[in-house]
Amino acid sequence: MKNHIQNILTKVLWLAILAIIPIITNAQNQSLSLKQAIAQAKVHNRDLRIDSLNISKSRQQTEITKGLLLPSVSLTGQFQRYLQRPVFFGLNSSSTSEGVGYARFGGQEITGAQVTLAQPLYNSGTKHEIQRRKLLEKQSQLSYQEREVDVVARVKQNYVQLLVLQERLKLQKESILRNKKALADSRSLLAQGRALRVDTLRAYTSVKNLEPDVLRLTYALQISQQQLSVLIGNEAETELFLSDSLQFNPAETVPVEDGIFTTSLRRPDFQILTLNKEINDKEIELYKSARRPVVSFISQYQLQTQTNKFRFDHAGWPPVFYAGVQFAIPLFSGMQNVNKIALGKIERLQTDMIYQNAQEQLKTEVRQVVASLYETSQRIKTQQNVSETAELSYSITKYRYEKGVASRLELIDSEFALTTAKSNYLEAVYDYLSSKIELDRTMGKVEEGL
C-alpha cells in the first residue's frame, strides 16, 4: 500500500514537472508580428525612454526658470559673543584735538533673526528666458519624435532582414537536400557502372561547399534576432518567432518626388531646425535685456538683542521692519553684452545656412530613394521571371538526367542557376522593402506596416 502511494506521488510529481517545463520554455519565446514589434518598441525601447526623460528634464528646467518670477522668502539668524565689546569713537569727554576718545558699549552676546522677502517687479531677461526654455522643451519633444522615427525604421529593417535570412537559410537547406540526393544518385550509378567517379566527386564537393553558408546564415540569424530583441526592449536571449512573411505588391506605384519633398519638410528634424531660429532670436533678446534695469520689492522684519552672561530672559527684543524698492541699472560690463549680441546674430545666420543646406541635401535624398524604389521594383519583376524560368529549367534537366539524356554537369549547373535565381529574387525583395523603409524614414512616418 505504501509503495502504491509513493508511485502515485511520483507520477503526479513528474506530470507537474512536464506541465511546468513548457511554461518556462515559452517565457523566453515570443511570437511577434511587425505591428507588435513596432508597438512594443515605442513603449520599451531604451533609447526612446532616455529621450522621454530628456522631455521631463526640459519641463523641469522651464519650471525652475518660472520660479524667478516668484517671491523668495528667507529666514536668517545669528549669534555673536564679543570677548571685547565694540568700540565707538567720539563719545568720551576726555577727547583732545590730538586724539579722539572712545568708549565700549553693548552686551557681550548679540543675537538676532531676520525674515526677508524679495519680489521681482521688473526683469525682462526672465521673461525671455522662460520663452526660450519653452522652445527648448518643444525641441526635446521633437527630438523624441525624431528618435521614434529612427527606431521604427530600424525595427522594420531588422524585421525584414530576419525574414530574408530565414528564407535564405531555407533556400540553402533545400539546395543541400537537392545536392545530397544528387550525390546519392551519383553513388548509386557509380556502383552500377553507369556513371563516372568524377561525377560523384563533383556532387560531394557541391554539398560540402554549401554547408559553410548554412552555418554563416544561422549565426547571422541569431545576431539579427538579438538586435531586434534589444530594439523592442526585450532581453537579448529572448527567441523570437516572426509571424509575418515577406510581401511584395506589384501594383504599388512609386510616389512623386515633389510630394515626398513637401511631406519631408514637416518631419521632426526639420521642425527642430526651424525651431532653432526662434531659439536664436530669443537668445538675442535675452542678451539685449541685460542692458535694462532690474527692479525688485524688498522687505525685512528683524528682531535683535544684546545681553551679558546669557541673560536673554531679561533682555529686550526691539523689532525693526522696513519695506522698499530696489533697482539695479547696468552701466558698463566690459563690452560683454555687445559681444554676446553679436555672437547671437552670427549663430542666427549660421542656423539659416544649416537649414538651407539641409533642404538641398533632402532633395538629393528624396531623388535617391525614389530611384532606388523604381530600380528595385523593376528588378523584382525581372528576378521573378528568372526564378520561374530557372525552376522550370531545373525540372526539365532533372527529368532528362534521370532518363540518362543529360549529364551530371548539366544538372549541377541547372541546380546552381535555380539557387542563384531564388537568392537574387530574395535580395531584390529585401532591397525593395529596405527602400520603402527608407522612404518612410525620409518622410518622417512611424506607420506600423511596410
Protein backbone atom coordinates (compact mmCIF):
# COMPACT_ATOMS: atom_id res chain seq x y z
CA MET A 1 0.00 0.00 0.00
CA LYS A 2 2.78 2.37 0.94
CA ASN A 3 4.67 1.65 -2.28
CA HIS A 4 1.49 2.21 -4.27
CA ILE A 5 1.03 5.68 -2.73
CA GLN A 6 4.67 6.53 -3.42
CA ASN A 7 4.26 5.51 -7.05
CA ILE A 8 1.19 7.73 -7.38
CA LEU A 9 3.01 10.69 -5.83
CA THR A 10 5.98 10.14 -8.12
CA LYS A 11 3.72 10.13 -11.20
CA VAL A 12 1.98 13.31 -10.03
CA LEU A 13 5.36 14.99 -9.49
CA TRP A 14 6.54 14.07 -12.97
CA LEU A 15 3.30 15.29 -14.51
CA ALA A 16 3.70 18.63 -12.69
CA ILE A 17 7.28 18.96 -13.94
CA LEU A 18 6.24 18.17 -17.50
CA ALA A 19 3.47 20.77 -17.26
CA ILE A 20 5.81 23.46 -15.94
CA ILE A 21 8.61 22.91 -18.50
CA PRO A 22 6.63 24.30 -21.49
CA ILE A 23 5.62 27.33 -19.43
CA ILE A 24 9.25 28.04 -18.53
CA THR A 25 10.31 27.50 -22.14
CA ASN A 26 7.60 29.79 -23.55
CA ALA A 27 8.59 32.51 -21.09
CA GLN A 28 11.76 33.02 -23.15
CA ASN A 29 10.00 32.63 -26.52
CA GLN A 30 7.80 35.21 -28.21
CA SER A 31 5.67 35.15 -31.33
CA LEU A 32 5.98 38.57 -32.95
CA SER A 33 4.37 40.37 -35.86
CA LEU A 34 5.81 43.56 -37.33
CA LYS A 35 2.93 45.59 -35.88
CA GLN A 36 3.56 44.13 -32.42
CA ALA A 37 7.30 44.74 -32.72
CA ILE A 38 6.80 48.43 -33.55
CA ALA A 39 4.21 48.91 -30.80
CA GLN A 40 6.49 47.25 -28.26
CA ALA A 41 9.49 49.29 -29.38
CA LYS A 42 7.56 52.55 -28.94
CA VAL A 43 6.94 51.65 -25.30
CA HIS A 44 10.03 49.71 -24.23
CA ASN A 45 12.88 50.85 -26.47
CA ARG A 46 15.66 52.10 -24.21
CA ASP A 47 16.73 54.98 -26.47
CA LEU A 48 13.15 56.28 -26.55
CA ARG A 49 12.88 56.01 -22.78
CA ILE A 50 16.08 58.03 -22.40
CA ASP A 51 14.71 60.72 -24.72
CA SER A 52 11.41 60.77 -22.81
CA LEU A 53 13.43 61.60 -19.68
CA ASN A 54 15.01 64.49 -21.62
CA ILE A 55 11.47 65.86 -22.12
CA SER A 56 10.90 65.68 -18.37
CA LYS A 57 14.22 67.41 -17.77
CA SER A 58 13.28 70.24 -20.14
CA ARG A 59 9.94 70.71 -18.40
CA GLN A 60 11.65 70.85 -15.05
CA GLN A 61 14.11 73.46 -16.36
CA THR A 62 11.14 75.56 -17.50
CA GLU A 63 9.58 75.35 -14.04
CA ILE A 64 12.89 76.35 -12.45
CA THR A 65 13.05 79.42 -14.69
CA LYS A 66 9.45 80.36 -13.87
CA GLY A 67 10.48 80.42 -10.22
CA LEU A 68 12.49 83.58 -10.93
CA LEU A 69 9.18 85.49 -11.12
CA LEU A 70 8.00 84.26 -7.70
CA PRO A 71 8.90 85.85 -4.37
CA SER A 72 11.74 84.46 -2.30
CA VAL A 73 11.47 84.36 1.48
CA SER A 74 14.41 83.58 3.73
CA LEU A 75 14.89 83.28 7.47
CA THR A 76 18.35 84.06 8.84
CA GLY A 77 19.70 84.22 12.35
CA GLN A 78 22.98 84.91 14.08
CA PHE A 79 24.66 84.73 17.48
CA GLN A 80 27.89 86.52 18.42
CA ARG A 81 29.83 86.69 21.66
CA TYR A 82 32.32 89.54 21.98
CA LEU A 83 35.44 88.89 24.03
CA GLN A 84 35.89 92.69 23.90
CA ARG A 85 32.87 94.89 23.35
CA PRO A 86 32.56 97.00 20.18
CA VAL A 87 34.30 100.38 20.18
CA PHE A 88 32.55 103.71 19.49
CA PHE A 89 34.77 106.77 18.97
CA GLY A 90 33.95 110.36 19.93
CA LEU A 91 31.71 109.51 22.85
CA ASN A 92 34.30 110.08 25.63
CA SER A 93 34.51 113.58 27.15
CA SER A 94 38.27 113.26 27.51
CA SER A 95 38.75 113.65 23.76
CA THR A 96 41.54 116.06 22.75
CA SER A 97 42.49 117.65 19.48
CA GLU A 98 45.32 115.15 19.12
CA GLY A 99 43.20 112.08 19.66
CA VAL A 100 39.56 111.03 19.68
CA GLY A 101 38.27 109.34 22.73
CA TYR A 102 36.28 106.14 22.61
CA ALA A 103 34.06 104.05 24.75
CA ARG A 104 32.77 100.47 24.75
CA PHE A 105 29.03 99.92 24.77
CA GLY A 106 26.72 96.98 24.27
CA GLY A 107 26.43 93.49 25.59
CA GLN A 108 28.80 90.63 25.22
CA GLU A 109 26.24 88.44 23.46
CA ILE A 110 24.37 89.66 20.39
CA THR A 111 21.50 87.63 18.95
CA GLY A 112 19.24 88.43 16.04
CA ALA A 113 16.85 86.94 13.46
CA GLN A 114 15.52 88.33 10.20
CA VAL A 115 12.78 87.36 7.76
CA THR A 116 13.48 88.80 4.30
CA LEU A 117 11.10 88.99 1.35
CA ALA A 118 12.24 89.76 -2.20
CA GLN A 119 9.73 90.01 -5.05
CA PRO A 120 10.94 90.77 -8.61
CA LEU A 121 8.88 93.56 -10.15
CA TYR A 122 10.58 94.03 -13.49
CA ASN A 123 13.17 91.83 -15.18
CA SER A 124 12.80 91.48 -18.94
CA GLY A 125 15.57 88.87 -19.04
CA THR A 126 13.46 86.44 -17.03
CA LYS A 127 10.56 86.72 -19.48
CA HIS A 128 12.80 85.96 -22.47
CA GLU A 129 14.50 83.11 -20.62
CA ILE A 130 11.13 81.48 -19.87
CA GLN A 131 10.15 81.77 -23.52
CA ARG A 132 13.47 80.25 -24.54
CA ARG A 133 13.01 77.37 -22.11
CA LYS A 134 9.57 76.63 -23.54
CA LEU A 135 11.11 76.45 -27.01
CA LEU A 136 13.79 74.08 -25.70
CA GLU A 137 11.06 71.97 -24.16
CA LYS A 138 9.33 71.76 -27.55
CA GLN A 139 12.70 70.89 -29.10
CA SER A 140 13.11 67.94 -26.73
CA GLN A 141 9.67 66.67 -27.75
CA LEU A 142 10.62 66.91 -31.43
CA SER A 143 13.89 65.10 -30.69
CA TYR A 144 11.84 62.30 -29.16
CA GLN A 145 9.69 62.13 -32.31
CA GLU A 146 12.81 62.06 -34.47
CA ARG A 147 14.20 59.21 -32.38
CA GLU A 148 10.86 57.41 -32.69
CA VAL A 149 11.01 57.62 -36.50
CA ASP A 150 14.53 56.21 -36.43
CA VAL A 151 13.64 53.38 -34.02
CA VAL A 152 10.57 52.36 -36.05
CA ALA A 153 12.66 52.31 -39.24
CA ARG A 154 15.33 50.19 -37.54
CA VAL A 155 12.71 47.75 -36.25
CA LYS A 156 11.22 47.40 -39.74
CA GLN A 157 14.65 46.96 -41.30
CA ASN A 158 15.67 44.35 -38.75
CA TYR A 159 12.37 42.50 -39.06
CA VAL A 160 12.65 42.33 -42.86
CA GLN A 161 16.28 41.25 -42.56
CA LEU A 162 15.23 38.40 -40.27
CA LEU A 163 12.56 37.27 -42.74
CA VAL A 164 15.04 37.32 -45.62
CA LEU A 165 17.66 35.44 -43.60
CA GLN A 166 15.11 32.78 -42.74
CA GLU A 167 14.16 32.41 -46.40
CA ARG A 168 17.81 32.31 -47.49
CA LEU A 169 18.55 29.65 -44.86
CA LYS A 170 15.55 27.65 -46.03
CA LEU A 171 16.68 28.04 -49.64
CA GLN A 172 20.21 26.93 -48.78
CA LYS A 173 18.95 23.84 -46.96
CA GLU A 174 16.75 22.96 -49.93
CA SER A 175 19.79 23.29 -52.20
CA ILE A 176 21.78 20.98 -49.91
CA LEU A 177 18.96 18.43 -49.96
CA ARG A 178 18.87 18.52 -53.75
CA ASN A 179 22.63 18.11 -53.94
CA LYS A 180 22.63 15.31 -51.37
CA LYS A 181 20.01 13.49 -53.40
CA ALA A 182 22.11 14.00 -56.49
CA LEU A 183 25.14 12.68 -54.60
CA ALA A 184 23.21 9.59 -53.54
CA ASP A 185 22.07 9.04 -57.13
CA SER A 186 25.59 9.50 -58.40
CA ARG A 187 26.96 6.94 -55.94
CA SER A 188 24.25 4.51 -56.92
CA LEU A 189 25.01 4.94 -60.62
CA LEU A 190 28.73 4.63 -59.92
CA ALA A 191 28.12 1.34 -58.13
CA GLN A 192 26.15 0.15 -61.16
CA GLY A 193 28.91 1.25 -63.50
CA ARG A 194 26.66 3.77 -65.20
CA ALA A 195 28.48 6.92 -64.02
CA LEU A 196 31.98 8.20 -63.66
CA ARG A 197 33.74 8.68 -60.35
CA VAL A 198 34.37 12.34 -61.20
CA ASP A 199 30.59 12.93 -61.14
CA THR A 200 30.42 11.58 -57.59
CA LEU A 201 33.36 13.74 -56.51
CA ARG A 202 31.77 16.80 -58.10
CA ALA A 203 28.47 16.12 -56.27
CA TYR A 204 30.28 15.63 -52.98
CA THR A 205 32.19 18.90 -53.48
CA SER A 206 28.95 20.77 -54.20
CA VAL A 207 27.39 19.57 -50.92
CA LYS A 208 30.43 20.49 -48.84
CA ASN A 209 30.67 23.93 -50.47
CA LEU A 210 27.10 24.72 -49.42
CA GLU A 211 27.40 23.67 -45.75
CA PRO A 212 29.52 26.70 -44.58
CA ASP A 213 26.84 29.03 -45.94
CA VAL A 214 24.26 27.37 -43.70
CA LEU A 215 26.47 27.99 -40.67
CA ARG A 216 27.05 31.62 -41.71
CA LEU A 217 23.34 32.26 -42.22
CA THR A 218 22.50 30.59 -38.89
CA TYR A 219 24.85 32.86 -36.97
CA ALA A 220 23.62 35.92 -38.89
CA LEU A 221 20.06 34.94 -37.98
CA GLN A 222 20.92 34.68 -34.28
CA ILE A 223 22.67 38.05 -34.24
CA SER A 224 19.78 39.72 -36.08
CA GLN A 225 17.32 38.23 -33.57
CA GLN A 226 19.33 39.66 -30.68
CA GLN A 227 19.41 43.08 -32.35
CA LEU A 228 15.63 43.03 -32.79
CA SER A 229 15.13 41.92 -29.18
CA VAL A 230 17.22 44.85 -27.93
CA LEU A 231 15.36 47.27 -30.21
CA ILE A 232 11.94 46.29 -28.83
CA GLY A 233 13.22 46.35 -25.25
CA ASN A 234 13.44 42.60 -24.61
CA GLU A 235 16.30 40.66 -23.14
CA ALA A 236 18.87 39.69 -25.78
CA GLU A 237 18.36 35.97 -25.04
CA THR A 238 14.65 36.03 -25.96
CA GLU A 239 13.96 33.87 -29.01
CA LEU A 240 11.56 35.49 -31.48
CA PHE A 241 9.21 33.71 -33.86
CA LEU A 242 8.16 36.04 -36.66
CA SER A 243 4.52 35.65 -37.62
CA ASP A 244 4.62 37.88 -40.72
CA SER A 245 6.04 36.94 -44.12
CA LEU A 246 7.73 38.73 -47.00
CA GLN A 247 5.21 40.52 -49.17
CA PHE A 248 5.53 42.37 -52.44
CA ASN A 249 2.65 44.12 -54.13
CA PRO A 250 3.46 44.60 -57.84
CA ALA A 251 0.56 47.05 -58.17
CA GLU A 252 2.28 49.61 -55.92
CA THR A 253 3.36 52.81 -57.66
CA VAL A 254 6.45 54.86 -56.97
CA PRO A 255 5.48 58.22 -55.38
CA VAL A 256 6.33 61.58 -56.92
CA GLU A 257 9.45 63.44 -55.73
CA ASP A 258 7.68 66.78 -55.14
CA GLY A 259 5.11 65.23 -52.81
CA ILE A 260 7.79 63.38 -50.86
CA PHE A 261 9.88 66.54 -50.52
CA THR A 262 6.93 68.61 -49.25
CA THR A 263 5.99 65.95 -46.70
CA SER A 264 9.61 65.51 -45.58
CA LEU A 265 9.89 69.19 -44.68
CA ARG A 266 7.39 68.51 -41.88
CA ARG A 267 9.42 65.73 -40.27
CA PRO A 268 10.78 66.34 -36.72
CA ASP A 269 14.41 67.15 -37.58
CA PHE A 270 13.36 69.94 -39.96
CA GLN A 271 10.96 71.28 -37.34
CA ILE A 272 13.92 71.34 -34.95
CA LEU A 273 15.96 73.34 -37.47
CA THR A 274 13.09 75.83 -37.79
CA LEU A 275 12.75 75.97 -34.02
CA ASN A 276 16.47 76.72 -33.68
CA LYS A 277 15.85 80.04 -35.46
CA GLU A 278 13.31 81.05 -32.82
CA ILE A 279 15.67 79.94 -30.05
CA ASN A 280 18.46 82.09 -31.51
CA ASP A 281 16.09 85.09 -31.67
CA LYS A 282 15.15 84.62 -28.01
CA GLU A 283 18.81 84.39 -27.05
CA ILE A 284 19.50 87.70 -28.80
CA GLU A 285 16.58 89.29 -26.90
CA LEU A 286 17.95 87.79 -23.69
CA TYR A 287 21.36 89.36 -24.30
CA LYS A 288 19.72 92.73 -25.07
CA SER A 289 17.67 92.58 -21.86
CA ALA A 290 20.88 92.52 -19.83
CA ARG A 291 21.15 96.26 -20.59
CA ARG A 292 17.81 97.04 -18.95
CA PRO A 293 17.28 97.77 -15.24
CA VAL A 294 16.08 95.18 -12.72
CA VAL A 295 13.50 96.30 -10.15
CA SER A 296 12.59 94.34 -7.01
CA PHE A 297 10.45 94.82 -3.94
CA ILE A 298 12.43 94.23 -0.72
CA SER A 299 11.05 93.86 2.80
CA GLN A 300 12.57 92.65 6.10
CA TYR A 301 11.38 92.09 9.64
CA GLN A 302 14.18 91.86 12.22
CA LEU A 303 14.50 91.05 15.93
CA GLN A 304 17.79 91.81 17.73
CA THR A 305 19.01 91.88 21.31
CA GLN A 306 22.17 92.29 23.37
CA THR A 307 22.86 90.91 26.84
CA ASN A 308 25.55 89.84 29.26
CA LYS A 309 26.09 86.45 30.85
CA PHE A 310 23.44 84.91 28.57
CA ARG A 311 20.54 86.55 30.44
CA PHE A 312 18.22 86.58 27.44
CA ASP A 313 15.18 86.41 29.67
CA HIS A 314 15.94 89.95 30.95
CA ALA A 315 16.89 91.35 27.53
CA GLY A 316 14.76 93.49 25.25
CA TRP A 317 13.81 92.33 21.77
CA PRO A 318 13.11 95.52 19.76
CA PRO A 319 11.73 94.82 16.26
CA VAL A 320 12.88 96.55 13.08
CA PHE A 321 10.70 96.45 9.97
CA TYR A 322 11.21 98.06 6.59
CA ALA A 323 9.94 97.78 3.03
CA GLY A 324 11.17 99.39 -0.15
CA VAL A 325 12.03 99.09 -3.82
CA GLN A 326 15.47 98.18 -5.08
CA PHE A 327 16.69 98.69 -8.62
CA ALA A 328 19.93 97.96 -10.44
CA ILE A 329 20.93 99.71 -13.66
CA PRO A 330 23.83 98.13 -15.61
CA LEU A 331 26.21 100.84 -16.75
CA PHE A 332 29.24 99.01 -18.11
CA SER A 333 30.01 95.30 -18.27
CA GLY A 334 33.27 95.19 -20.16
CA MET A 335 31.53 95.07 -23.58
CA GLN A 336 30.20 91.60 -22.74
CA ASN A 337 26.59 92.36 -23.69
CA VAL A 338 27.61 93.89 -27.01
CA ASN A 339 29.75 90.90 -27.87
CA LYS A 340 27.04 88.44 -26.79
CA ILE A 341 24.52 90.16 -29.08
CA ALA A 342 26.99 89.98 -31.97
CA LEU A 343 27.57 86.28 -31.19
CA GLY A 344 23.81 85.63 -31.20
CA LYS A 345 23.46 87.23 -34.64
CA ILE A 346 26.27 85.05 -36.00
CA GLU A 347 24.60 81.93 -34.60
CA ARG A 348 21.29 83.03 -36.17
CA LEU A 349 22.95 83.39 -39.57
CA GLN A 350 24.59 80.00 -39.11
CA THR A 351 21.21 78.40 -38.32
CA ASP A 352 19.73 79.81 -41.56
CA MET A 353 22.58 78.34 -43.57
CA ILE A 354 22.22 74.96 -41.86
CA TYR A 355 18.51 74.88 -42.72
CA GLN A 356 19.15 75.78 -46.37
CA ASN A 357 21.87 73.15 -46.61
CA ALA A 358 19.56 70.52 -45.09
CA GLN A 359 16.91 71.35 -47.70
CA GLU A 360 19.36 70.83 -50.56
CA GLN A 361 20.54 67.55 -49.08
CA LEU A 362 16.93 66.44 -48.68
CA LYS A 363 16.31 66.93 -52.40
CA THR A 364 19.19 64.57 -53.17
CA GLU A 365 17.98 62.10 -50.54
CA VAL A 366 14.45 62.07 -51.96
CA ARG A 367 15.69 61.53 -55.51
CA GLN A 368 17.91 58.69 -54.35
CA VAL A 369 15.06 56.96 -52.51
CA VAL A 370 12.70 57.26 -55.46
CA ALA A 371 15.34 55.94 -57.85
CA SER A 372 16.05 53.01 -55.54
CA LEU A 373 12.33 52.18 -55.30
CA TYR A 374 11.93 52.22 -59.07
CA GLU A 375 15.08 50.17 -59.70
CA THR A 376 14.29 47.50 -57.08
CA SER A 377 10.65 47.15 -58.19
CA GLN A 378 11.79 46.52 -61.76
CA ARG A 379 14.48 44.12 -60.55
CA ILE A 380 11.91 42.12 -58.59
CA LYS A 381 9.78 41.61 -61.70
CA THR A 382 12.83 40.52 -63.69
CA GLN A 383 14.14 38.20 -60.99
CA GLN A 384 10.70 36.66 -60.53
CA ASN A 385 10.64 35.69 -64.19
CA VAL A 386 14.22 34.42 -63.99
CA SER A 387 13.38 32.36 -60.90
CA GLU A 388 10.36 30.76 -62.59
CA THR A 389 12.44 30.03 -65.69
CA ALA A 390 15.28 28.54 -63.62
CA GLU A 391 12.84 26.31 -61.74
CA LEU A 392 11.36 25.05 -64.99
CA SER A 393 14.85 24.52 -66.43
CA TYR A 394 15.90 22.51 -63.38
CA SER A 395 12.81 20.31 -63.58
CA ILE A 396 13.47 19.57 -67.26
CA THR A 397 17.18 18.93 -66.68
CA LYS A 398 16.44 16.66 -63.72
CA TYR A 399 13.97 14.65 -65.82
CA ARG A 400 16.48 14.35 -68.68
CA TYR A 401 19.21 13.35 -66.19
CA GLU A 402 17.01 10.63 -64.71
CA LYS A 403 16.37 9.32 -68.22
CA GLY A 404 20.09 9.32 -68.93
CA VAL A 405 19.88 12.04 -71.58
CA ALA A 406 21.50 14.94 -69.64
CA SER A 407 24.89 14.83 -67.95
CA ARG A 408 25.61 15.26 -64.28
CA LEU A 409 27.35 18.55 -65.04
CA GLU A 410 24.20 19.93 -66.66
CA LEU A 411 22.18 19.01 -63.57
CA ILE A 412 24.70 20.74 -61.27
CA ASP A 413 24.66 23.87 -63.42
CA SER A 414 20.86 23.86 -63.51
CA GLU A 415 20.60 23.46 -59.72
CA PHE A 416 23.13 26.24 -59.16
CA ALA A 417 21.21 28.53 -61.53
CA LEU A 418 17.98 27.79 -59.65
CA THR A 419 19.52 28.55 -56.25
CA THR A 420 21.14 31.73 -57.58
CA ALA A 421 17.88 32.92 -59.19
CA LYS A 422 15.88 32.41 -55.99
CA SER A 423 18.60 34.06 -53.94
CA ASN A 424 18.67 37.05 -56.30
CA TYR A 425 14.88 37.32 -56.05
CA LEU A 426 15.09 37.41 -52.25
CA GLU A 427 17.79 40.07 -52.46
CA ALA A 428 15.63 42.16 -54.80
CA VAL A 429 12.65 41.90 -52.43
CA TYR A 430 14.86 42.85 -49.48
CA ASP A 431 16.28 45.86 -51.35
CA TYR A 432 12.77 46.99 -52.35
CA LEU A 433 11.41 46.72 -48.80
CA SER A 434 14.53 48.48 -47.49
CA SER A 435 13.87 51.32 -49.94
CA LYS A 436 10.27 51.56 -48.70
CA ILE A 437 11.51 51.71 -45.12
CA GLU A 438 13.97 54.43 -46.09
CA LEU A 439 11.11 56.30 -47.81
CA ASP A 440 9.11 56.23 -44.56
CA ARG A 441 12.16 57.44 -42.66
CA THR A 442 12.69 60.24 -45.18
CA MET A 443 9.07 61.33 -44.85
CA GLY A 444 9.14 61.03 -41.04
CA LYS A 445 6.45 58.34 -40.89
CA VAL A 446 6.00 55.96 -37.99
CA GLU A 447 3.40 53.70 -39.59
CA GLU A 448 3.27 50.13 -38.31
CA GLY A 449 3.20 48.43 -41.73
CA LEU A 450 5.55 48.27 -44.69
